[in-house]
Amino acid sequence: MEKYETHTHDVIVIGAGGAGLRAAIESSAQGASTALICKSLLGKAHTVMAEGGVAAALANVDTKDNWETHFKDTMKGGKMLNNWQMALYHAQEAPERVRELEYWGALFDRTKEGRINQRAFGGHTWKRLAHVGDRTGLEMIRTLQEKGIHSGIDVYMECTITHLIKDGDRETGAFGYWRESGKFVLFKANAIILATGGVGKAYKYTSNSWEYTGDGHSMAYEAGAELIDMEFIQFHPTGMVWPPSVRGILVTEAVRGEGGILTNSEGERFMEKYDPERMELSTRDVVARSIYTEVEQGRGSPHGGAFLDVSHRGADYVKRKLPSMYHQFMEFADIDITKGPMEVFPTTHYVMGGVKVEGDTCSSTVPGLFAAGEVAGGMHGANRLGGNSLSDLLVFGKRAGEGAAAYASGKSHAQVSAELVEGFANELREPFNNTQGENPYTIHQDLQDVMQLYIGVFRTEENIQTGIDKIEVLKERAKTLKIEGSVMFNPGWHLCRDLKSMLIVSEALARCALARKESRGAHSRVDYPESDDEVLGKLNSIVSFKDGAMDVATRPIVEMPEELSKLFTEDK
């Protein structure tokens, strides 16, 4: 054990996006020695790509807004498959978390009266999204990072965690390597918080950056934790279409929130057919399917998308409200969005499924293991509303930090098996030792093609089964990988581990999609177009590692108490 660099803390947080930072801030505030570990550089988190706003019932613009309406919107958006306790905490606590962020220095846009301004977003009854132009996530990360580095947190950057360590049933540490040098590093801890984000890099077209390879999902799965509702992956309706090098990059929902209109090649405002009441501000699953359908039926734009036009709002308004979008299209596509439309198409964006956690503490089914943010499942049900991800990471980042610090308090550090750690190290070295084997880049490209083609926006049993069969072949191919060079600055080596994670989450997603024989939220089965509210609508999908293989089962949702059920009864 002496040959590996070792760090000991009460709590370690893996992932330094909004959820990880908020969790680390809270853990440290509770008196726990806290480490924050990030795969990339601090501040380069995927949270910065959440542009449109943070959802919270502040009622600064629409005074009728309240937590009850936010709770109902979230549950309805998730097709009632949400963990109701998480949705409740989220709706009730989001306003305080946003005001707390403001107290820490976040500079939100303002109303004429000086209050935090709020804009409309798909699926929300009222104007609810507090925003900073179209770069809200960036301002949140800036604020949380500044607060975090002054909170006594030890930060370890460009460090990839590859394995969680257990002593019996309890989590006791994590093992990984420094991306720059390739040297291995061991972290001992009494509690671990996963805040590693999503799984989007398993798909060919995605708004997600390179870090989103399902690390937390796969490590939790291998450690014995349950994953929940992995079939629900959100395709954001509007990703860039042209040029091909930027296909999939996010076009924020704020464009539609500020009055953007979707039209097809015939000039028809087609959302009138799919959701005449909410139009472009329908939920993301509905808008994504609508755009996909228009293109499939031959009414797509020249580059295979739909037109999104906000130019009628005027150049000054667009540049003031959507500065990032204006510069993004000018720089990447040489398109001035103040003068004409963008071309957009659904892009893989967010996974609603994740590590199954308790709503109050964010604890998983493995003692000592917690999760918050996109890696945690349950909060968003079958479909996430725009803006709820940023308030989710604030609310449950705080709760995870509290829960982990309380769990770690007073515990002595357990023994870490030297034999186990050496096994992890040998596994990571293996691609260098193989004389023959596959190129990880080739397998990754094949996996992305499989997921995009067979487990995309629309699904059928035949396509999903074909996808599963192909994933099984890819798993066999990936058992023997070969790379060259040294462990220093070797992206091919990094991909070897990332590929293992992506294969796990892809299989989980596909097997859950096959089992859910209905259409619900982001899961659209062409062969089962209706929702089965009586049976499947009351069951969560549960993924676990049993007897050396992936097991997919179902479990009844936890029914909400009568006083909350009345909110929906009164609505009807």
Foldseek 3Di string as FASTA:
>chain_A
DVVAAEAEWAEEEEAQALLSLLLQLQLLVLVTAYAYEYQADQLPHPLQLQFQFAFAQPCPPPVVGALLQQLVLLCVLLLNQFQSLQSSLLHHCLVVLVVVLVVLPQDWDADPVGHQDFFAAASRPDRGGRHHQRRRSSSSSVSSVVSRVVSNYHYHHSWDWQAFFDDVLFTFWTKTARQFALGIHIYGHRFYEYAQFACQLLAPAAQDDPSHLQRQQQNCQVSWFKKWFLQFFFFAFFFAQPDPVRGRHDDHSVLVRLPKFKDWQVRDSQQCVQPVPCRSSHARLSNQVSFVVCLVVPGHDPRRTIWIANLVVADVVCCNRHVVNQVVCCPGPVDRRNVGTGGTHTGGYAGQMAGEADSQQQDTPGHRYGYFARRYHRRNNNGGTRNPRSSRSSSNSSSNSVNNSVSSPPDDRDDTDPVVNVVVVCVLCQQAVDPDAAQLVVLSVVSNVLCCPQSHQEHELVSLVVSLVVLVVSVVRLVHHHDDDDSRNDVSSVSSSSVVSSSVSSNVNSVSLNVQQADGNSRAYPNHRHDDCVPSVQWMWMWHQDPNDIDIDIDGRDDDDPVSVVSVVVVD
